[in-house]
Amino acid sequence: MAKRFTDSGKWSKAWFMELSSDHKLLWIYMLDSCDHAGIFEVNWPLASFMTGLQVTALPESFTKQLIAVDKKRYFIKDFVEFQYGGVLNPNNRAHMSVINILDKFNLNNQIKKGVSKGLIRPMEGDKDKDKDKDKVKVKDKEKDMSLKSITLELRQEWAKQDRYRDVDVEEEFIKFSDYLLQSGKKYKDYQAGFRNWLKQPWVQKKIEDQFERVLRERNMKK
């Protein structure tokens, strides 16, 4: 059994409020009976049997909410946008099925004209753009882990942390940078590399912090 979102706000929409009780029931039946791309295939005898109404044609009051695909099918304009948030992802199997159906009936053009704004079609150009975006993300990720990512702001933030309070972070960063330049050492994650550097025994501690620590330890023993 298919499960779908329902728009509880339809009851307060002017066009729906003006419908007769029979037409309201028929509309809800169409929403439940259309396929997952919002296409309703006409079968008035079945609709009459399921709703208990005598339906032989589409009510005129429905025409503004539908697009005639052919003599047997109608596309519910807001269905895709409401069910899928206005955006279809070609990498999602369920979405891809919807995209294929819309392409089959040339409905993506109708959507691009404003029926469902923001819908993404799986066109080659769009795929190329997605690939470019993925490449940018990879580059950004690499940049985030580079030596340049250890900014002054980040170093100042680390210097305030208790584990680095007795270390001259700025001085050590200069030493770390010189070491990388001279040795040719490379890291996949330079931030992690520098944090590990700060923990090493050769890192010189601040004199004033050493003095404060001695006093603190003496006070704790008293």
Protein backbone atom coordinates (compact mmCIF):
# COMPACT_ATOMS: atom_id res chain seq x y z
CA MET A 1 0.00 0.00 0.00
CA ALA A 2 1.45 3.35 -1.08
CA LYS A 3 1.82 6.03 1.57
CA ARG A 4 1.74 9.70 0.65
CA PHE A 5 1.79 13.11 2.26
CA THR A 6 -1.55 14.85 2.47
CA ASP A 7 -2.09 18.59 2.41
CA SER A 8 -4.31 19.35 5.39
CA GLY A 9 -4.33 22.97 4.25
CA LYS A 10 -6.51 22.16 1.23
CA TRP A 11 -9.62 22.47 3.37
CA SER A 12 -9.03 26.20 3.75
CA LYS A 13 -8.16 26.86 0.09
CA ALA A 14 -10.82 28.86 -1.70
CA TRP A 15 -11.14 26.61 -4.76
CA PHE A 16 -11.50 23.48 -2.59
CA MET A 17 -13.97 25.11 -0.22
CA GLU A 18 -16.22 25.95 -3.18
CA LEU A 19 -16.42 22.30 -4.28
CA SER A 20 -19.46 20.23 -3.52
CA SER A 21 -19.09 17.34 -1.09
CA ASP A 22 -19.12 14.88 -4.02
CA HIS A 23 -16.40 16.75 -5.85
CA LYS A 24 -14.27 16.98 -2.71
CA LEU A 25 -14.49 13.20 -2.37
CA LEU A 26 -13.62 12.73 -6.04
CA TRP A 27 -10.59 15.02 -5.74
CA ILE A 28 -9.25 13.10 -2.73
CA TYR A 29 -9.82 9.86 -4.66
CA MET A 30 -7.78 11.21 -7.57
CA LEU A 31 -4.94 12.21 -5.24
CA ASP A 32 -4.89 8.70 -3.79
CA SER A 33 -5.30 6.93 -7.12
CA CYS A 34 -2.80 8.77 -9.30
CA ASP A 35 0.64 7.25 -9.83
CA HIS A 36 3.72 8.42 -7.92
CA ALA A 37 4.38 11.10 -10.55
CA GLY A 38 0.92 12.65 -10.06
CA ILE A 39 -0.65 11.25 -13.24
CA PHE A 40 -4.27 10.11 -12.93
CA GLU A 41 -5.52 7.63 -15.51
CA VAL A 42 -9.22 8.01 -16.26
CA ASN A 43 -11.45 5.08 -15.34
CA TRP A 44 -14.81 6.58 -14.47
CA PRO A 45 -16.60 3.25 -13.82
CA LEU A 46 -13.92 2.36 -11.26
CA ALA A 47 -14.02 5.86 -9.75
CA SER A 48 -17.82 5.60 -9.45
CA PHE A 49 -17.57 2.20 -7.78
CA MET A 50 -14.86 3.29 -5.31
CA THR A 51 -16.47 6.61 -4.32
CA GLY A 52 -20.14 5.65 -4.58
CA LEU A 53 -20.68 8.56 -6.97
CA GLN A 54 -21.90 8.60 -10.54
CA VAL A 55 -18.83 9.98 -12.32
CA THR A 56 -18.81 10.20 -16.11
CA ALA A 57 -16.53 13.16 -16.73
CA LEU A 58 -14.04 15.45 -15.08
CA PRO A 59 -15.71 18.30 -13.16
CA GLU A 60 -15.02 21.71 -14.69
CA SER A 61 -13.91 22.99 -11.29
CA PHE A 62 -10.87 20.65 -11.47
CA THR A 63 -9.46 21.98 -14.75
CA LYS A 64 -7.24 24.66 -13.19
CA GLN A 65 -5.60 22.06 -10.96
CA LEU A 66 -4.81 19.60 -13.77
CA ILE A 67 -2.95 19.34 -17.06
CA ALA A 68 -4.45 17.11 -19.73
CA VAL A 69 -1.74 14.65 -20.81
CA ASP A 70 -3.96 12.89 -23.34
CA LYS A 71 -7.59 11.74 -23.57
CA LYS A 72 -7.11 9.23 -20.76
CA ARG A 73 -4.65 10.91 -18.42
CA TYR A 74 -4.36 14.06 -16.30
CA PHE A 75 -1.37 15.44 -14.44
CA ILE A 76 -2.04 16.92 -11.00
CA LYS A 77 -0.03 20.14 -11.08
CA ASP A 78 1.12 20.47 -7.47
CA PHE A 79 1.55 16.76 -6.74
CA VAL A 80 5.29 16.40 -7.43
CA GLU A 81 6.26 19.63 -5.74
CA PHE A 82 4.25 18.74 -2.64
CA GLN A 83 5.31 15.09 -2.39
CA TYR A 84 9.01 15.59 -3.16
CA GLY A 85 9.72 19.09 -1.92
CA GLY A 86 10.00 20.60 -5.39
CA VAL A 87 13.35 18.94 -6.14
CA LEU A 88 13.95 15.56 -7.78
CA ASN A 89 17.32 13.88 -7.35
CA PRO A 90 18.39 11.70 -10.33
CA ASN A 91 20.53 9.62 -7.94
CA ASN A 92 17.43 8.57 -6.00
CA ARG A 93 15.72 5.55 -7.59
CA ALA A 94 12.21 6.63 -6.60
CA HIS A 95 12.86 10.14 -7.89
CA MET A 96 14.40 8.80 -11.11
CA SER A 97 11.23 6.84 -11.80
CA VAL A 98 9.19 10.03 -11.43
CA ILE A 99 11.59 11.91 -13.69
CA ASN A 100 11.28 9.22 -16.37
CA ILE A 101 7.48 9.38 -16.26
CA LEU A 102 7.49 13.17 -16.52
CA ASP A 103 9.91 12.98 -19.44
CA LYS A 104 7.77 10.35 -21.14
CA PHE A 105 4.77 12.68 -21.17
CA ASN A 106 6.82 15.86 -21.78
CA LEU A 107 5.69 17.30 -18.47
CA ASN A 108 9.04 18.67 -17.34
CA ASN A 109 8.56 21.58 -19.74
CA GLN A 110 5.25 22.37 -18.08
CA ILE A 111 6.94 22.27 -14.70
CA LYS A 112 9.75 24.58 -15.79
CA LYS A 113 7.12 27.14 -16.80
CA GLY A 114 6.09 27.50 -13.19
CA VAL A 115 3.81 24.62 -12.30
CA SER A 116 6.47 23.23 -9.99
CA LYS A 117 9.40 25.59 -9.57
CA GLY A 118 12.80 24.29 -8.65
CA LEU A 119 12.37 20.82 -10.16
CA ILE A 120 15.61 19.34 -11.42
CA ARG A 121 15.69 17.37 -14.67
CA PRO A 122 18.41 14.76 -15.27
CA MET A 123 19.80 16.49 -18.35
CA GLU A 124 23.40 16.01 -19.38
CA GLY A 125 24.24 19.60 -18.58
CA ASP A 126 22.87 19.20 -15.08
CA LYS A 127 24.87 16.00 -14.58
CA ASP A 128 28.03 17.81 -15.63
CA LYS A 129 27.25 20.59 -13.17
CA ASP A 130 26.76 18.03 -10.42
CA LYS A 131 30.13 16.48 -11.26
CA ASP A 132 31.76 19.92 -11.13
CA LYS A 133 30.14 20.58 -7.75
CA ASP A 134 31.48 17.25 -6.48
CA LYS A 135 34.97 18.20 -7.65
CA VAL A 136 34.70 21.55 -5.87
CA LYS A 137 33.61 19.79 -2.70
CA VAL A 138 36.64 17.49 -2.89
CA LYS A 139 38.97 20.44 -3.42
CA ASP A 140 37.36 22.32 -0.55
CA LYS A 141 37.79 19.29 1.68
CA GLU A 142 41.46 19.04 0.75
CA LYS A 143 41.90 22.76 1.36
CA ASP A 144 40.28 22.47 4.77
CA MET A 145 42.96 19.99 5.79
CA SER A 146 45.87 21.93 4.30
CA LEU A 147 48.49 23.96 6.15
CA LYS A 148 46.66 27.14 5.16
CA SER A 149 43.60 25.91 7.02
CA ILE A 150 45.49 26.48 10.29
CA THR A 151 44.52 30.14 10.35
CA LEU A 152 45.46 32.76 12.95
CA GLU A 153 41.92 32.61 14.26
CA LEU A 154 42.12 28.85 14.68
CA ARG A 155 45.52 29.07 16.39
CA GLN A 156 44.22 31.69 18.81
CA GLU A 157 41.28 29.43 19.58
CA TRP A 158 43.60 26.51 20.33
CA ALA A 159 45.83 28.71 22.49
CA LYS A 160 42.86 29.33 24.81
CA GLN A 161 42.33 25.61 25.41
CA ASP A 162 43.70 24.17 28.66
CA ARG A 163 45.77 21.51 26.94
CA TYR A 164 47.71 24.16 25.00
CA ARG A 165 47.69 27.01 27.56
CA ASP A 166 51.34 26.45 28.51
CA VAL A 167 52.49 26.31 24.88
CA ASP A 168 53.35 29.25 22.64
CA VAL A 169 51.13 28.14 19.76
CA GLU A 170 52.27 30.92 17.43
CA GLU A 171 55.95 30.17 17.98
CA GLU A 172 55.39 26.46 17.51
CA PHE A 173 53.44 27.04 14.32
CA ILE A 174 56.44 28.87 12.88
CA LYS A 175 58.68 25.94 13.86
CA PHE A 176 56.16 23.48 12.44
CA SER A 177 56.01 25.35 9.14
CA ASP A 178 59.83 25.52 8.94
CA TYR A 179 60.04 21.81 9.65
CA LEU A 180 57.62 21.02 6.82
CA LEU A 181 59.55 23.26 4.44
CA GLN A 182 62.94 21.75 5.28
CA SER A 183 61.92 18.10 5.54
CA GLY A 184 59.32 17.97 2.78
CA LYS A 185 57.01 16.20 5.22
CA LYS A 186 53.38 16.07 4.13
CA TYR A 187 50.17 15.34 5.98
CA LYS A 188 46.71 14.37 4.81
CA ASP A 189 45.38 16.43 7.70
CA TYR A 190 47.72 19.29 8.64
CA GLN A 191 45.55 20.40 11.54
CA ALA A 192 45.85 16.99 13.16
CA GLY A 193 49.57 17.01 12.39
CA PHE A 194 50.08 20.34 14.13
CA ARG A 195 47.98 19.35 17.15
CA ASN A 196 50.12 16.24 17.51
CA TRP A 197 53.24 18.43 17.22
CA LEU A 198 52.07 20.54 20.15
CA LYS A 199 51.91 17.43 22.34
CA GLN A 200 55.51 16.39 21.74
CA PRO A 201 58.09 16.56 24.58
CA TRP A 202 60.43 18.81 22.61
CA VAL A 203 57.85 21.63 22.55
CA GLN A 204 59.10 24.38 24.85
CA LYS A 205 56.67 25.42 27.56
CA LYS A 206 55.97 29.01 28.48
CA ILE A 207 58.07 30.07 31.49
CA GLU A 208 55.26 32.02 33.14
CA ASP A 209 52.87 29.12 32.73
CA GLN A 210 55.37 26.71 34.21
CA PHE A 211 55.67 29.00 37.24
CA GLU A 212 51.90 29.25 37.58
CA ARG A 213 51.59 25.48 37.37
CA VAL A 214 54.18 24.99 40.15
CA LEU A 215 52.29 27.40 42.37
CA ARG A 216 49.01 25.68 41.58
CA GLU A 217 50.47 22.28 42.46
CA ARG A 218 51.88 23.59 45.73
CA ASN A 219 48.54 25.10 46.70
CA MET A 220 46.82 21.80 46.01
CA LYS A 221 49.24 20.00 48.38
CA LYS A 222 48.54 22.38 51.24
